[in-house]
Protein backbone atom coordinates (compact mmCIF):
# COMPACT_ATOMS: atom_id res chain seq x y z
CA MET A 1 39.92 -12.25 -3.39
CA ALA A 2 40.92 -9.06 -5.18
CA ALA A 3 42.83 -6.45 -3.23
CA LEU A 4 41.15 -3.16 -2.53
CA PRO A 5 42.42 -0.13 -4.44
CA ASP A 6 44.83 2.10 -2.51
CA ASP A 7 42.26 4.91 -2.22
CA SER A 8 39.58 2.69 -0.65
CA THR A 9 38.18 3.12 2.82
CA ASP A 10 37.14 0.57 5.42
CA GLU A 11 33.51 1.07 4.33
CA ASP A 12 34.40 -0.35 0.92
CA SER A 13 35.86 -3.51 2.47
CA THR A 14 32.46 -4.80 3.67
CA VAL A 15 31.59 -5.73 0.09
CA GLU A 16 34.82 -7.68 -0.21
CA ASP A 17 34.17 -9.58 3.04
CA ALA A 18 31.16 -11.47 1.62
CA THR A 19 32.00 -14.88 0.20
CA VAL A 20 30.11 -17.39 -1.90
CA GLU A 21 29.65 -19.51 1.22
CA ASP A 22 27.58 -16.69 2.78
CA PHE A 23 24.79 -17.25 0.22
CA THR A 24 22.31 -20.04 0.82
CA ALA A 25 20.64 -22.26 -1.76
CA GLU A 26 17.48 -20.21 -1.14
CA ASP A 27 19.37 -17.01 -2.03
CA ALA A 28 20.62 -18.62 -5.23
CA ALA A 29 17.12 -19.81 -6.16
CA ALA A 30 15.68 -16.35 -5.52
CA ALA A 31 18.38 -14.74 -7.66
CA GLU A 32 17.76 -17.26 -10.43
CA ARG A 33 13.99 -16.58 -10.34
CA ALA A 34 14.58 -12.81 -10.40
CA ALA A 35 16.95 -13.14 -13.36
CA LEU A 36 14.46 -15.33 -15.20
CA LEU A 37 11.30 -13.39 -14.44
CA GLY A 38 12.58 -9.84 -14.07
CA PRO A 39 12.70 -7.58 -11.05
CA GLU A 40 9.17 -6.15 -11.13
CA VAL A 41 5.82 -7.75 -10.26
CA THR A 42 2.62 -6.56 -11.93
CA ILE A 43 -0.90 -7.87 -11.49
CA THR A 44 -3.42 -7.15 -14.23
CA VAL A 45 -7.15 -7.59 -13.64
CA CYS A 46 -8.73 -8.89 -16.86
CA PRO A 47 -12.38 -7.84 -17.26
CA ASP A 48 -14.54 -10.94 -16.74
CA GLY A 49 -11.34 -12.99 -16.59
CA PRO A 50 -8.35 -13.95 -14.46
CA LEU A 51 -5.68 -12.02 -12.63
CA LEU A 52 -2.46 -12.03 -14.67
CA VAL A 53 0.61 -12.11 -12.43
CA ARG A 54 3.86 -11.10 -14.14
CA GLY A 55 7.24 -11.06 -12.46
CA PRO A 56 8.94 -12.90 -9.61
CA ALA A 57 5.95 -13.10 -7.28
CA GLU A 58 5.94 -16.14 -5.03
CA LEU A 59 2.56 -17.87 -5.08
CA LEU A 60 1.50 -19.72 -1.92
CA ASP A 61 -1.38 -22.11 -1.31
CA GLY A 62 -3.73 -21.84 1.68
CA ASP A 63 -1.23 -23.68 3.89
CA GLY A 64 1.67 -21.39 2.94
CA ASN A 65 3.35 -23.88 0.59
CA ALA A 66 4.94 -22.48 -2.56
CA LEU A 67 3.13 -23.25 -5.82
CA THR A 68 5.20 -24.24 -8.83
CA ARG A 69 5.27 -21.67 -11.62
CA ASN A 70 5.97 -23.02 -15.08
CA ARG A 71 5.51 -19.71 -16.87
CA GLU A 72 6.67 -16.14 -16.52
CA THR A 73 3.04 -14.95 -16.57
CA VAL A 74 0.50 -16.84 -14.48
CA ALA A 75 -3.29 -16.51 -14.79
CA LEU A 76 -5.14 -16.89 -11.48
CA CYS A 77 -8.82 -17.85 -11.56
CA ARG A 78 -11.39 -15.37 -10.26
CA CYS A 79 -14.60 -17.17 -11.29
CA GLY A 80 -14.08 -20.10 -8.92
CA ARG A 81 -14.92 -22.74 -11.54
CA SER A 82 -11.44 -23.67 -12.79
CA GLY A 83 -10.53 -27.34 -12.87
CA ILE A 84 -6.89 -26.45 -12.17
CA ALA A 85 -7.44 -23.93 -9.34
CA PRO A 86 -5.93 -21.59 -8.38
CA PHE A 87 -4.88 -21.25 -12.02
CA CYS A 88 -7.28 -20.21 -14.79
CA ASP A 89 -8.41 -22.81 -17.35
CA SER A 90 -10.69 -20.40 -19.28
CA THR A 91 -13.88 -21.82 -17.74
CA HIS A 92 -15.07 -18.21 -17.32
CA LYS A 93 -15.40 -18.02 -21.12
CA LYS A 94 -17.79 -20.99 -21.16
CA ARG A 95 -19.92 -19.38 -18.48
CA ARG A 96 -20.05 -16.11 -20.42
CA ALA A 97 -21.04 -17.91 -23.65
CA THR A 98 -23.70 -19.94 -21.83
CA THR A 99 -25.30 -16.97 -20.11
CA GLY A 100 -25.15 -14.78 -23.21
CA SER A 101 -23.73 -11.84 -21.28
CA ALA A 102 -20.26 -10.37 -20.97
CA GLY A 103 -20.34 -10.27 -17.20
CA GLY A 104 -23.28 -7.91 -16.76
CA SER A 105 -26.67 -8.87 -15.43
CA ALA A 106 -29.17 -10.31 -17.90
CA SER A 107 -32.33 -8.32 -18.48
């Protein structure tokens, strides 16, 4: 480990005390996800469409198990008709085309 500069204080040494062994595999995975996806999470509500989740958000199923993310941006279904729930498969577009409305009530 590198020696501390002569003008350092004991407060500075706490950073030097951490070793690679102090980090768990979970810490490494979280750091890798953050580096891949970026540090910020945003959720965009698409009118008559899905929720778009961007960033390193962890998605969990109803039992608390992590869902696998294969993309940086994930579309979550809001219409409840997706064949790949909880992810969007664009079924909401078929419903809109069938009903002839863009999400409003038909007159």
